[in-house]
PDB file of N, CA and C in Angstrom:
ATOM      1  N   MET A   1     120.077 112.720 115.106  1.00  0.00           N
ATOM      2  CA  MET A   1     118.702 112.505 114.734  1.00  0.00           C
ATOM      3  C   MET A   1     117.720 113.337 114.135  1.00  0.00           C
ATOM      4  N   ASN A   2     117.377 113.366 113.077  1.00  0.00           N
ATOM      5  CA  ASN A   2     117.181 113.956 112.039  1.00  0.00           C
ATOM      6  C   ASN A   2     115.803 114.969 112.337  1.00  0.00           C
ATOM      7  N   PHE A   3     116.086 116.916 112.280  1.00  0.00           N
ATOM      8  CA  PHE A   3     115.362 117.807 111.999  1.00  0.00           C
ATOM      9  C   PHE A   3     114.932 118.053 110.833  1.00  0.00           C
ATOM     10  N   PRO A   4     113.962 117.698 109.935  1.00  0.00           N
ATOM     11  CA  PRO A   4     113.674 118.557 108.288  1.00  0.00           C
ATOM     12  C   PRO A   4     113.183 120.078 109.043  1.00  0.00           C
ATOM     13  N   ALA A   5     114.301 121.427 108.236  1.00  0.00           N
ATOM     14  CA  ALA A   5     113.389 122.789 108.915  1.00  0.00           C
ATOM     15  C   ALA A   5     112.772 122.892 108.151  1.00  0.00           C
ATOM     16  N   GLU A   6     112.192 122.320 107.218  1.00  0.00           N
ATOM     17  CA  GLU A   6     110.767 122.979 106.531  1.00  0.00           C
ATOM     18  C   GLU A   6     109.567 121.616 106.324  1.00  0.00           C
ATOM     19  N   LEU A   7     109.463 121.044 107.891  1.00  0.00           N
ATOM     20  CA  LEU A   7     108.269 120.867 108.645  1.00  0.00           C
ATOM     21  C   LEU A   7     107.764 121.307 109.822  1.00  0.00           C
ATOM     22  N   SER A   8     107.474 121.532 110.198  1.00  0.00           N
ATOM     23  CA  SER A   8     106.614 121.774 111.006  1.00  0.00           C
ATOM     24  C   SER A   8     106.074 120.586 111.884  1.00  0.00           C
ATOM     25  N   TYR A   9     105.911 120.599 113.215  1.00  0.00           N
ATOM     26  CA  TYR A   9     106.171 119.103 114.183  1.00  0.00           C
ATOM     27  C   TYR A   9     104.683 119.304 115.015  1.00  0.00           C
ATOM     28  N   THR A  10     104.162 118.876 116.168  1.00  0.00           N
ATOM     29  CA  THR A  10     103.705 119.392 117.603  1.00  0.00           C
ATOM     30  C   THR A  10     104.478 118.271 118.539  1.00  0.00           C
ATOM     31  N   GLU A  11     103.595 118.972 119.075  1.00  0.00           N
ATOM     32  CA  GLU A  11     104.354 117.816 120.446  1.00  0.00           C
ATOM     33  C   GLU A  11     104.107 116.426 121.218  1.00  0.00           C
ATOM     34  N   ASP A  12     102.869 116.107 119.820  1.00  0.00           N
ATOM     35  CA  ASP A  12     102.735 115.053 119.995  1.00  0.00           C
ATOM     36  C   ASP A  12     103.489 113.280 119.540  1.00  0.00           C
ATOM     37  N   HIS A  13     104.227 114.284 118.320  1.00  0.00           N
ATOM     38  CA  HIS A  13     105.204 113.820 117.755  1.00  0.00           C
ATOM     39  C   HIS A  13     105.090 113.711 116.325  1.00  0.00           C
ATOM     40  N   GLU A  14     104.154 114.293 116.148  1.00  0.00           N
ATOM     41  CA  GLU A  14     103.414 114.229 114.080  1.00  0.00           C
ATOM     42  C   GLU A  14     104.254 115.710 113.404  1.00  0.00           C
ATOM     43  N   TRP A  15     104.486 114.891 112.429  1.00  0.00           N
ATOM     44  CA  TRP A  15     105.016 116.383 111.701  1.00  0.00           C
ATOM     45  C   TRP A  15     104.413 116.844 110.357  1.00  0.00           C
ATOM     46  N   ILE A  16     104.405 118.275 110.153  1.00  0.00           N
ATOM     47  CA  ILE A  16     103.019 118.153 108.430  1.00  0.00           C
ATOM     48  C   ILE A  16     104.501 118.933 107.155  1.00  0.00           C
ATOM     49  N   ARG A  17     103.733 118.468 106.044  1.00  0.00           N
ATOM     50  CA  ARG A  17     104.382 120.487 105.345  1.00  0.00           C
ATOM     51  C   ARG A  17     103.315 119.964 104.390  1.00  0.00           C
ATOM     52  N   VAL A  18     103.615 121.430 104.326  1.00  0.00           N
ATOM     53  CA  VAL A  18     101.836 122.051 102.588  1.00  0.00           C
ATOM     54  C   VAL A  18     102.672 121.930 101.844  1.00  0.00           C
ATOM     55  N   ASP A  19     101.917 121.099 101.090  1.00  0.00           N
ATOM     56  CA  ASP A  19     102.750 120.915  99.403  1.00  0.00           C
ATOM     57  C   ASP A  19     102.352 121.953  98.658  1.00  0.00           C
ATOM     58  N   GLU A  20     102.097 122.338  97.391  1.00  0.00           N
ATOM     59  CA  GLU A  20     102.180 123.568  96.344  1.00  0.00           C
ATOM     60  C   GLU A  20     100.875 123.376  95.989  1.00  0.00           C
ATOM     61  N   ASP A  21     100.054 122.375  95.917  1.00  0.00           N
ATOM     62  CA  ASP A  21      99.278 122.261  96.318  1.00  0.00           C
ATOM     63  C   ASP A  21      97.698 123.005  96.839  1.00  0.00           C
ATOM     64  N   GLY A  22      98.686 123.085  97.726  1.00  0.00           N
ATOM     65  CA  GLY A  22      97.481 123.332  99.647  1.00  0.00           C
ATOM     66  C   GLY A  22      96.886 121.936  99.960  1.00  0.00           C
ATOM     67  N   THR A  23      97.526 120.684  99.677  1.00  0.00           N
ATOM     68  CA  THR A  23      97.241 119.728 100.213  1.00  0.00           C
ATOM     69  C   THR A  23      98.061 119.488 101.535  1.00  0.00           C
ATOM     70  N   ALA A  24      98.235 119.049 102.521  1.00  0.00           N
ATOM     71  CA  ALA A  24      98.407 118.301 103.567  1.00  0.00           C
ATOM     72  C   ALA A  24      99.536 117.049 103.981  1.00  0.00           C
ATOM     73  N   VAL A  25     100.889 117.090 104.058  1.00  0.00           N
ATOM     74  CA  VAL A  25     101.124 114.856 104.138  1.00  0.00           C
ATOM     75  C   VAL A  25     101.551 114.935 105.651  1.00  0.00           C
ATOM     76  N   ILE A  26     101.799 114.369 106.386  1.00  0.00           N
ATOM     77  CA  ILE A  26     101.302 113.814 107.628  1.00  0.00           C
ATOM     78  C   ILE A  26     102.383 113.819 107.421  1.00  0.00           C
ATOM     79  N   GLY A  27     103.236 112.747 108.819  1.00  0.00           N
ATOM     80  CA  GLY A  27     103.489 111.727 109.519  1.00  0.00           C
ATOM     81  C   GLY A  27     104.034 111.815 111.056  1.00  0.00           C
ATOM     82  N   ILE A  28     104.528 110.853 111.427  1.00  0.00           N
ATOM     83  CA  ILE A  28     105.126 110.450 112.942  1.00  0.00           C
ATOM     84  C   ILE A  28     106.795 111.460 112.746  1.00  0.00           C
ATOM     85  N   THR A  29     106.915 110.962 113.405  1.00  0.00           N
ATOM     86  CA  THR A  29     108.672 112.201 114.005  1.00  0.00           C
ATOM     87  C   THR A  29     109.783 110.564 113.821  1.00  0.00           C
ATOM     88  N   GLU A  30     111.258 111.346 113.737  1.00  0.00           N
ATOM     89  CA  GLU A  30     111.864 110.411 113.621  1.00  0.00           C
ATOM     90  C   GLU A  30     112.003 109.289 115.569  1.00  0.00           C
ATOM     91  N   PHE A  31     111.865 110.744 116.002  1.00  0.00           N
ATOM     92  CA  PHE A  31     111.780 110.460 117.195  1.00  0.00           C
ATOM     93  C   PHE A  31     110.667 109.218 117.840  1.00  0.00           C
ATOM     94  N   ALA A  32     109.386 109.471 117.114  1.00  0.00           N
ATOM     95  CA  ALA A  32     108.185 108.650 117.602  1.00  0.00           C
ATOM     96  C   ALA A  32     108.922 107.540 117.312  1.00  0.00           C
ATOM     97  N   GLN A  33     109.393 107.696 115.559  1.00  0.00           N
ATOM     98  CA  GLN A  33     109.548 106.248 116.137  1.00  0.00           C
ATOM     99  C   GLN A  33     110.604 105.144 116.048  1.00  0.00           C
ATOM    100  N   HIS A  34     111.725 105.828 117.305  1.00  0.00           N
ATOM    101  CA  HIS A  34     112.266 105.918 117.466  1.00  0.00           C
ATOM    102  C   HIS A  34     112.013 105.302 119.061  1.00  0.00           C
ATOM    103  N   GLU A  35     111.235 105.834 119.519  1.00  0.00           N
ATOM    104  CA  GLU A  35     110.313 106.037 120.788  1.00  0.00           C
ATOM    105  C   GLU A  35     109.750 104.288 120.978  1.00  0.00           C
ATOM    106  N   LEU A  36     108.662 104.551 119.734  1.00  0.00           N
ATOM    107  CA  LEU A  36     107.938 102.756 119.363  1.00  0.00           C
ATOM    108  C   LEU A  36     108.277 102.201 119.279  1.00  0.00           C
ATOM    109  N   GLY A  37     109.663 102.336 118.907  1.00  0.00           N
ATOM    110  CA  GLY A  37     110.438 100.785 118.642  1.00  0.00           C
ATOM    111  C   GLY A  37     109.634 100.656 117.028  1.00  0.00           C
ATOM    112  N   ASP A  38     109.697  98.884 116.421  1.00  0.00           N
ATOM    113  CA  ASP A  38     109.327  98.454 115.188  1.00  0.00           C
ATOM    114  C   ASP A  38     107.759  98.506 114.863  1.00  0.00           C
ATOM    115  N   ILE A  39     107.490  99.049 114.310  1.00  0.00           N
ATOM    116  CA  ILE A  39     106.615  98.834 113.818  1.00  0.00           C
ATOM    117  C   ILE A  39     105.313  98.505 112.519  1.00  0.00           C
ATOM    118  N   ILE A  40     104.653  97.454 112.903  1.00  0.00           N
ATOM    119  CA  ILE A  40     103.964  96.608 112.306  1.00  0.00           C
ATOM    120  C   ILE A  40     102.894  96.489 111.869  1.00  0.00           C
ATOM    121  N   PHE A  41     102.109  97.442 112.736  1.00  0.00           N
ATOM    122  CA  PHE A  41     100.640  98.068 111.389  1.00  0.00           C
ATOM    123  C   PHE A  41     100.290  99.265 111.751  1.00  0.00           C
ATOM    124  N   ILE A  42     100.023 100.128 110.467  1.00  0.00           N
ATOM    125  CA  ILE A  42      98.995 101.584 110.805  1.00  0.00           C
ATOM    126  C   ILE A  42      97.679 101.023 110.250  1.00  0.00           C
ATOM    127  N   ASP A  43      97.052 101.986 111.207  1.00  0.00           N
ATOM    128  CA  ASP A  43      95.427 101.657 111.183  1.00  0.00           C
ATOM    129  C   ASP A  43      95.109 102.960 111.257  1.00  0.00           C
ATOM    130  N   VAL A  44      94.101 103.570 109.991  1.00  0.00           N
ATOM    131  CA  VAL A  44      93.638 105.058 109.287  1.00  0.00           C
ATOM    132  C   VAL A  44      92.484 105.096 109.010  1.00  0.00           C
ATOM    133  N   ASN A  45      91.437 104.762 109.995  1.00  0.00           N
ATOM    134  CA  ASN A  45      90.372 104.890 109.415  1.00  0.00           C
ATOM    135  C   ASN A  45      88.745 106.033 109.060  1.00  0.00           C
ATOM    136  N   THR A  46      89.947 106.630 108.987  1.00  0.00           N
ATOM    137  CA  THR A  46      88.846 107.943 109.169  1.00  0.00           C
ATOM    138  C   THR A  46      89.675 108.995 107.169  1.00  0.00           C
ATOM    139  N   VAL A  47      90.294 107.764 106.807  1.00  0.00           N
ATOM    140  CA  VAL A  47      90.090 108.728 104.960  1.00  0.00           C
ATOM    141  C   VAL A  47      88.108 108.887 104.463  1.00  0.00           C
ATOM    142  N   GLY A  48      87.828 110.496 104.284  1.00  0.00           N
ATOM    143  CA  GLY A  48      87.181 110.796 103.586  1.00  0.00           C
ATOM    144  C   GLY A  48      86.617 112.042 104.772  1.00  0.00           C
ATOM    145  N   GLN A  49      87.048 111.860 105.990  1.00  0.00           N
ATOM    146  CA  GLN A  49      86.057 112.276 107.362  1.00  0.00           C
ATOM    147  C   GLN A  49      87.134 114.065 107.458  1.00  0.00           C
ATOM    148  N   SER A  50      85.885 114.655 107.906  1.00  0.00           N
ATOM    149  CA  SER A  50      86.891 115.991 108.606  1.00  0.00           C
ATOM    150  C   SER A  50      87.189 116.059 110.000  1.00  0.00           C
ATOM    151  N   LEU A  51      87.713 116.235 110.166  1.00  0.00           N
ATOM    152  CA  LEU A  51      88.021 116.204 112.048  1.00  0.00           C
ATOM    153  C   LEU A  51      88.809 117.544 111.941  1.00  0.00           C
ATOM    154  N   GLY A  52      89.308 117.252 113.510  1.00  0.00           N
ATOM    155  CA  GLY A  52      89.436 119.163 113.778  1.00  0.00           C
ATOM    156  C   GLY A  52      90.644 118.581 114.757  1.00  0.00           C
ATOM    157  N   LYS A  53      91.425 119.780 114.817  1.00  0.00           N
ATOM    158  CA  LYS A  53      92.606 119.548 115.775  1.00  0.00           C
ATOM    159  C   LYS A  53      92.922 118.989 116.803  1.00  0.00           C
ATOM    160  N   GLY A  54      94.041 117.784 116.500  1.00  0.00           N
ATOM    161  CA  GLY A  54      93.529 117.566 118.380  1.00  0.00           C
ATOM    162  C   GLY A  54      93.820 116.259 118.078  1.00  0.00           C
ATOM    163  N   GLU A  55      92.134 115.623 117.457  1.00  0.00           N
ATOM    164  CA  GLU A  55      91.521 114.859 117.018  1.00  0.00           C
ATOM    165  C   GLU A  55      92.720 113.454 116.842  1.00  0.00           C
ATOM    166  N   VAL A  56      92.122 112.459 116.680  1.00  0.00           N
ATOM    167  CA  VAL A  56      92.780 111.140 116.230  1.00  0.00           C
ATOM    168  C   VAL A  56      92.154 110.947 115.316  1.00  0.00           C
ATOM    169  N   PHE A  57      93.099 110.473 114.387  1.00  0.00           N
ATOM    170  CA  PHE A  57      93.233 109.767 112.663  1.00  0.00           C
ATOM    171  C   PHE A  57      93.234 109.026 112.307  1.00  0.00           C
ATOM    172  N   GLY A  58      94.084 108.198 113.269  1.00  0.00           N
ATOM    173  CA  GLY A  58      94.176 105.879 113.358  1.00  0.00           C
ATOM    174  C   GLY A  58      95.598 106.568 114.603  1.00  0.00           C
ATOM    175  N   ALA A  59      95.862 105.251 114.757  1.00  0.00           N
ATOM    176  CA  ALA A  59      96.542 104.607 115.145  1.00  0.00           C
ATOM    177  C   ALA A  59      98.392 103.880 114.909  1.00  0.00           C
ATOM    178  N   VAL A  60      99.471 103.837 115.268  1.00  0.00           N
ATOM    179  CA  VAL A  60     100.457 102.810 115.243  1.00  0.00           C
ATOM    180  C   VAL A  60     100.491 101.588 116.323  1.00  0.00           C
ATOM    181  N   GLU A  61     101.063 100.509 115.500  1.00  0.00           N
ATOM    182  CA  GLU A  61     101.274  99.344 116.808  1.00  0.00           C
ATOM    183  C   GLU A  61     102.108  98.640 116.696  1.00  0.00           C
ATOM    184  N   ALA A  62     103.710  99.087 117.685  1.00  0.00           N
ATOM    185  CA  ALA A  62     103.904  99.044 117.587  1.00  0.00           C
ATOM    186  C   ALA A  62     104.520  97.587 118.522  1.00  0.00           C
ATOM    187  N   VAL A  63     105.739  96.683 117.871  1.00  0.00           N
ATOM    188  CA  VAL A  63     105.806  96.100 118.779  1.00  0.00           C
ATOM    189  C   VAL A  63     105.528  95.728 120.171  1.00  0.00           C
ATOM    190  N   LYS A  64     106.167  96.652 120.679  1.00  0.00           N
ATOM    191  CA  LYS A  64     105.695  97.169 122.157  1.00  0.00           C
ATOM    192  C   LYS A  64     104.294  98.150 122.930  1.00  0.00           C
ATOM    193  N   THR A  65     103.992  98.424 121.855  1.00  0.00           N
ATOM    194  CA  THR A  65     102.681  99.408 122.445  1.00  0.00           C
ATOM    195  C   THR A  65     102.040  99.458 120.992  1.00  0.00           C
ATOM    196  N   VAL A  66     100.743 100.439 121.421  1.00  0.00           N
ATOM    197  CA  VAL A  66      99.778 101.136 120.328  1.00  0.00           C
ATOM    198  C   VAL A  66      99.673 102.426 120.634  1.00  0.00           C
ATOM    199  N   SER A  67      99.708 103.174 120.093  1.00  0.00           N
ATOM    200  CA  SER A  67     100.238 104.709 120.122  1.00  0.00           C
ATOM    201  C   SER A  67      99.019 105.927 119.179  1.00  0.00           C
ATOM    202  N   ASP A  68      97.965 106.806 119.436  1.00  0.00           N
ATOM    203  CA  ASP A  68      97.288 107.151 118.660  1.00  0.00           C
ATOM    204  C   ASP A  68      98.319 108.867 118.340  1.00  0.00           C
ATOM    205  N   LEU A  69      97.031 108.839 116.919  1.00  0.00           N
ATOM    206  CA  LEU A  69      97.538 109.351 116.105  1.00  0.00           C
ATOM    207  C   LEU A  69      96.682 110.864 115.931  1.00  0.00           C
ATOM    208  N   PHE A  70      97.352 111.584 115.808  1.00  0.00           N
ATOM    209  CA  PHE A  70      96.958 113.492 116.207  1.00  0.00           C
ATOM    210  C   PHE A  70      97.005 114.149 115.092  1.00  0.00           C
ATOM    211  N   LEU A  71      95.827 115.165 114.461  1.00  0.00           N
ATOM    212  CA  LEU A  71      96.067 115.801 113.703  1.00  0.00           C
ATOM    213  C   LEU A  71      96.803 116.437 114.706  1.00  0.00           C
ATOM    214  N   PRO A  72      98.058 117.610 113.809  1.00  0.00           N
ATOM    215  CA  PRO A  72      97.986 118.894 113.500  1.00  0.00           C
ATOM    216  C   PRO A  72      96.967 120.263 113.367  1.00  0.00           C
ATOM    217  N   VAL A  73      96.265 119.796 112.206  1.00  0.00           N
ATOM    218  CA  VAL A  73      95.203 120.826 111.966  1.00  0.00           C
ATOM    219  C   VAL A  73      94.344 119.888 112.074  1.00  0.00           C
ATOM    220  N   ASP A  74      92.900 121.450 111.569  1.00  0.00           N
ATOM    221  CA  ASP A  74      92.095 120.476 110.927  1.00  0.00           C
ATOM    222  C   ASP A  74      91.678 120.108 109.543  1.00  0.00           C
ATOM    223  N   GLY A  75      91.251 119.667 108.972  1.00  0.00           N
ATOM    224  CA  GLY A  75      91.521 119.363 107.702  1.00  0.00           C
ATOM    225  C   GLY A  75      90.767 117.866 107.644  1.00  0.00           C
ATOM    226  N   GLU A  76      90.184 117.692 105.684  1.00  0.00           N
ATOM    227  CA  GLU A  76      89.866 116.375 105.020  1.00  0.00           C
ATOM    228  C   GLU A  76      90.218 115.497 105.331  1.00  0.00           C
ATOM    229  N   VAL A  77      90.910 113.841 105.797  1.00  0.00           N
ATOM    230  CA  VAL A  77      91.339 113.362 105.783  1.00  0.00           C
ATOM    231  C   VAL A  77      91.682 112.641 103.981  1.00  0.00           C
ATOM    232  N   LEU A  78      92.008 112.651 102.832  1.00  0.00           N
ATOM    233  CA  LEU A  78      91.855 112.680 101.587  1.00  0.00           C
ATOM    234  C   LEU A  78      92.989 111.577 101.692  1.00  0.00           C
ATOM    235  N   GLU A  79      94.181 110.392 102.119  1.00  0.00           N
ATOM    236  CA  GLU A  79      94.411 108.963 101.420  1.00  0.00           C
ATOM    237  C   GLU A  79      95.021 109.104 102.745  1.00  0.00           C
ATOM    238  N   LEU A  80      95.151 107.732 102.652  1.00  0.00           N
ATOM    239  CA  LEU A  80      96.725 107.306 103.596  1.00  0.00           C
ATOM    240  C   LEU A  80      97.434 105.776 102.417  1.00  0.00           C
ATOM    241  N   ASN A  81      98.567 106.805 102.841  1.00  0.00           N
ATOM    242  CA  ASN A  81      99.604 106.448 101.545  1.00  0.00           C
ATOM    243  C   ASN A  81      99.676 104.380 102.175  1.00  0.00           C
ATOM    244  N   PRO A  82      99.438 104.150 100.743  1.00  0.00           N
ATOM    245  CA  PRO A  82      99.433 102.664 100.275  1.00  0.00           C
ATOM    246  C   PRO A  82     100.569 102.461 100.768  1.00  0.00           C
ATOM    247  N   ALA A  83     102.054 102.483 100.789  1.00  0.00           N
ATOM    248  CA  ALA A  83     102.755 101.892 100.841  1.00  0.00           C
ATOM    249  C   ALA A  83     102.861 101.571 101.862  1.00  0.00           C
ATOM    250  N   VAL A  84     102.744 102.637 103.628  1.00  0.00           N
ATOM    251  CA  VAL A  84     102.543 102.091 104.477  1.00  0.00           C
ATOM    252  C   VAL A  84     102.229 101.720 105.251  1.00  0.00           C
ATOM    253  N   GLU A  85     100.862 101.788 104.594  1.00  0.00           N
ATOM    254  CA  GLU A  85      99.590 100.551 104.432  1.00  0.00           C
ATOM    255  C   GLU A  85     100.585  99.547 104.626  1.00  0.00           C
ATOM    256  N   LYS A  86     100.601  98.232 102.878  1.00  0.00           N
ATOM    257  CA  LYS A  86     101.809  97.584 103.139  1.00  0.00           C
ATOM    258  C   LYS A  86     102.279  97.363 104.006  1.00  0.00           C
ATOM    259  N   SER A  87     103.608  97.797 103.759  1.00  0.00           N
ATOM    260  CA  SER A  87     104.546  98.458 104.521  1.00  0.00           C
ATOM    261  C   SER A  87     104.664  99.080 105.451  1.00  0.00           C
ATOM    262  N   PRO A  88     104.547  99.096 107.018  1.00  0.00           N
ATOM    263  CA  PRO A  88     104.539  99.909 108.273  1.00  0.00           C
ATOM    264  C   PRO A  88     105.921 100.288 108.495  1.00  0.00           C
ATOM    265  N   GLU A  89     106.722  99.357 108.165  1.00  0.00           N
ATOM    266  CA  GLU A  89     107.489  99.532 108.832  1.00  0.00           C
ATOM    267  C   GLU A  89     108.986 100.787 107.734  1.00  0.00           C
ATOM    268  N   LEU A  90     107.660 101.392 106.602  1.00  0.00           N
ATOM    269  CA  LEU A  90     108.365 102.605 106.377  1.00  0.00           C
ATOM    270  C   LEU A  90     108.694 103.611 107.835  1.00  0.00           C
ATOM    271  N   LEU A  91     107.225 103.582 108.589  1.00  0.00           N
ATOM    272  CA  LEU A  91     107.863 103.978 109.359  1.00  0.00           C
ATOM    273  C   LEU A  91     108.851 104.343 110.059  1.00  0.00           C
ATOM    274  N   ASN A  92     109.591 103.198 110.463  1.00  0.00           N
ATOM    275  CA  ASN A  92     110.399 103.213 111.438  1.00  0.00           C
ATOM    276  C   ASN A  92     112.173 103.988 110.353  1.00  0.00           C
ATOM    277  N   SER A  93     112.147 103.037 109.040  1.00  0.00           N
ATOM    278  CA  SER A  93     112.893 103.308 107.952  1.00  0.00           C
ATOM    279  C   SER A  93     113.106 104.456 107.401  1.00  0.00           C
ATOM    280  N   ASP A  94     112.104 105.417 106.800  1.00  0.00           N
ATOM    281  CA  ASP A  94     111.796 106.926 105.798  1.00  0.00           C
ATOM    282  C   ASP A  94     110.342 107.368 106.336  1.00  0.00           C
ATOM    283  N   PRO A  95     110.318 107.754 108.375  1.00  0.00           N
ATOM    284  CA  PRO A  95     109.750 108.638 108.894  1.00  0.00           C
ATOM    285  C   PRO A  95     109.308 109.512 107.401  1.00  0.00           C
ATOM    286  N   TYR A  96     110.182 110.332 107.273  1.00  0.00           N
ATOM    287  CA  TYR A  96     109.883 111.644 106.256  1.00  0.00           C
ATOM    288  C   TYR A  96     109.895 111.882 105.225  1.00  0.00           C
ATOM    289  N   GLY A  97     110.155 110.610 104.684  1.00  0.00           N
ATOM    290  CA  GLY A  97     110.387 110.621 103.571  1.00  0.00           C
ATOM    291  C   GLY A  97     109.127 109.605 103.102  1.00  0.00           C
ATOM    292  N   GLU A  98     109.052 108.042 102.033  1.00  0.00           N
ATOM    293  CA  GLU A  98     108.509 107.435 101.730  1.00  0.00           C
ATOM    294  C   GLU A  98     107.268 106.751 103.463  1.00  0.00           C
ATOM    295  N   GLY A  99     108.195 107.006 104.211  1.00  0.00           N
ATOM    296  CA  GLY A  99     107.388 106.443 105.935  1.00  0.00           C
ATOM    297  C   GLY A  99     105.318 107.881 106.179  1.00  0.00           C
ATOM    298  N   TRP A 100     105.266 109.142 105.286  1.00  0.00           N
ATOM    299  CA  TRP A 100     104.844 109.659 105.057  1.00  0.00           C
ATOM    300  C   TRP A 100     103.348 108.702 105.473  1.00  0.00           C
ATOM    301  N   ILE A 101     102.368 109.540 106.528  1.00  0.00           N
ATOM    302  CA  ILE A 101     101.172 108.698 106.324  1.00  0.00           C
ATOM    303  C   ILE A 101      99.689 108.560 105.814  1.00  0.00           C
ATOM    304  N   ILE A 102      99.520 110.181 106.472  1.00  0.00           N
ATOM    305  CA  ILE A 102      97.911 110.935 105.381  1.00  0.00           C
ATOM    306  C   ILE A 102      98.306 112.150 104.087  1.00  0.00           C
ATOM    307  N   ARG A 103      97.128 112.229 103.929  1.00  0.00           N
ATOM    308  CA  ARG A 103      97.378 113.423 102.704  1.00  0.00           C
ATOM    309  C   ARG A 103      95.888 114.238 103.168  1.00  0.00           C
ATOM    310  N   LEU A 104      96.255 114.794 103.365  1.00  0.00           N
ATOM    311  CA  LEU A 104      95.175 116.015 104.564  1.00  0.00           C
ATOM    312  C   LEU A 104      95.260 117.537 103.620  1.00  0.00           C
ATOM    313  N   LYS A 105      93.309 117.675 103.856  1.00  0.00           N
ATOM    314  CA  LYS A 105      92.985 118.672 102.699  1.00  0.00           C
ATOM    315  C   LYS A 105      92.684 119.959 103.891  1.00  0.00           C
ATOM    316  N   LEU A 106      93.556 120.800 104.568  1.00  0.00           N
ATOM    317  CA  LEU A 106      93.572 121.593 105.082  1.00  0.00           C
ATOM    318  C   LEU A 106      92.062 122.879 104.997  1.00  0.00           C
ATOM    319  N   SER A 107      91.764 122.974 106.670  1.00  0.00           N
ATOM    320  CA  SER A 107      90.543 124.156 106.617  1.00  0.00           C
ATOM    321  C   SER A 107      91.362 125.316 106.424  1.00  0.00           C
ATOM    322  N   ASP A 108      92.188 125.035 107.323  1.00  0.00           N
ATOM    323  CA  ASP A 108      92.872 126.389 108.140  1.00  0.00           C
ATOM    324  C   ASP A 108      94.136 126.871 107.984  1.00  0.00           C
ATOM    325  N   ALA A 109      94.471 126.330 106.766  1.00  0.00           N
ATOM    326  CA  ALA A 109      96.689 126.802 106.194  1.00  0.00           C
ATOM    327  C   ALA A 109      97.519 127.416 107.712  1.00  0.00           C
ATOM    328  N   ALA A 110      96.307 128.005 107.855  1.00  0.00           N
ATOM    329  CA  ALA A 110      96.868 129.913 108.687  1.00  0.00           C
ATOM    330  C   ALA A 110      97.402 128.616 110.765  1.00  0.00           C
ATOM    331  N   GLN A 111      97.134 127.500 111.002  1.00  0.00           N
ATOM    332  CA  GLN A 111      96.398 126.810 111.679  1.00  0.00           C
ATOM    333  C   GLN A 111      98.691 126.246 111.814  1.00  0.00           C
ATOM    334  N   VAL A 112      99.207 125.925 111.071  1.00  0.00           N
ATOM    335  CA  VAL A 112      99.826 126.029 110.609  1.00  0.00           C
ATOM    336  C   VAL A 112     101.477 126.849 111.343  1.00  0.00           C
ATOM    337  N   ASP A 113     101.088 127.834 110.935  1.00  0.00           N
ATOM    338  CA  ASP A 113     101.688 128.457 111.724  1.00  0.00           C
ATOM    339  C   ASP A 113     102.411 128.547 113.103  1.00  0.00           C
ATOM    340  N   GLY A 114     100.625 127.874 113.306  1.00  0.00           N
ATOM    341  CA  GLY A 114     100.786 127.782 115.147  1.00  0.00           C
ATOM    342  C   GLY A 114     101.784 126.380 115.662  1.00  0.00           C
ATOM    343  N   LEU A 115     102.497 126.038 114.637  1.00  0.00           N
ATOM    344  CA  LEU A 115     102.870 124.496 115.063  1.00  0.00           C
ATOM    345  C   LEU A 115     104.368 124.512 115.794  1.00  0.00           C
ATOM    346  N   LEU A 116     105.108 123.842 115.926  1.00  0.00           N
ATOM    347  CA  LEU A 116     106.300 124.251 116.739  1.00  0.00           C
ATOM    348  C   LEU A 116     107.264 124.267 115.518  1.00  0.00           C
ATOM    349  N   THR A 117     108.727 124.989 115.443  1.00  0.00           N
ATOM    350  CA  THR A 117     109.671 124.774 114.422  1.00  0.00           C
ATOM    351  C   THR A 117     110.523 123.608 114.273  1.00  0.00           C
ATOM    352  N   ALA A 118     111.363 123.064 113.461  1.00  0.00           N
ATOM    353  CA  ALA A 118     112.416 121.632 113.934  1.00  0.00           C
ATOM    354  C   ALA A 118     113.159 122.155 114.853  1.00  0.00           C
ATOM    355  N   ASP A 119     113.588 123.168 115.373  1.00  0.00           N
ATOM    356  CA  ASP A 119     114.744 123.821 116.347  1.00  0.00           C
ATOM    357  C   ASP A 119     113.669 124.198 118.256  1.00  0.00           C
ATOM    358  N   THR A 120     112.990 123.877 117.745  1.00  0.00           N
ATOM    359  CA  THR A 120     111.476 123.923 119.412  1.00  0.00           C
ATOM    360  C   THR A 120     111.647 122.334 119.700  1.00  0.00           C
ATOM    361  N   TYR A 121     110.469 122.427 118.215  1.00  0.00           N
ATOM    362  CA  TYR A 121     110.510 120.748 118.279  1.00  0.00           C
ATOM    363  C   TYR A 121     111.558 119.978 118.628  1.00  0.00           C
ATOM    364  N   LYS A 122     113.063 120.890 118.894  1.00  0.00           N
ATOM    365  CA  LYS A 122     114.093 119.655 118.907  1.00  0.00           C
ATOM    366  C   LYS A 122     114.935 119.196 120.576  1.00  0.00           C
ATOM    367  N   GLU A 123     114.203 121.140 121.112  1.00  0.00           N
ATOM    368  CA  GLU A 123     114.511 121.340 122.554  1.00  0.00           C
ATOM    369  C   GLU A 123     113.849 120.664 123.060  1.00  0.00           C
ATOM    370  N   LEU A 124     112.051 120.553 123.184  1.00  0.00           N
ATOM    371  CA  LEU A 124     111.284 120.080 123.164  1.00  0.00           C
ATOM    372  C   LEU A 124     111.191 118.484 123.173  1.00  0.00           C
ATOM    373  N   VAL A 125     112.657 117.065 122.507  1.00  0.00           N
ATOM    374  CA  VAL A 125     112.701 115.937 122.301  1.00  0.00           C
ATOM    375  C   VAL A 125     113.601 116.107 123.371  1.00  0.00           C
ATOM    376  N   GLY A 126     114.627 117.218 124.109  1.00  0.00           N
ATOM    377  CA  GLY A 126     115.610 117.669 123.921  1.00  0.00           C
ATOM    378  C   GLY A 126     116.990 116.470 123.630  1.00  0.00           C
ATOM    379  N   ALA A 127     116.599 116.255 122.311  1.00  0.00           N
ATOM    380  CA  ALA A 127     118.373 116.506 121.413  1.00  0.00           C
ATOM    381  C   ALA A 127     119.135 117.714 121.069  1.00  0.00           C
TER     382      ALA A 127
END
């Protein structure tokens, strides 16, 4: 299983990457997509909204379950990845690349420092 070191992680199995322009990209981890199984639908109706850390920003539907998506930090949801909207299976095939879910305008970039490192997340999931 892959745990890219440049990402930060949450106990709810989301990852976040802060880009050079100060926005963040958020997705679900390889562990999460593996646990969910084949993802068939993504629902994010929070674009344009400012949400707090831990709030639900959307949901993913897999063949066997539906799972809420939780924001790892405070911010404004800027966009849903159009590729994932059209092809939700990208969450399974490329969760750290083309399978990102949302872009976020950070309210407080320092919150990212409080998230899990790749090594800590790896221990959390027992990998």
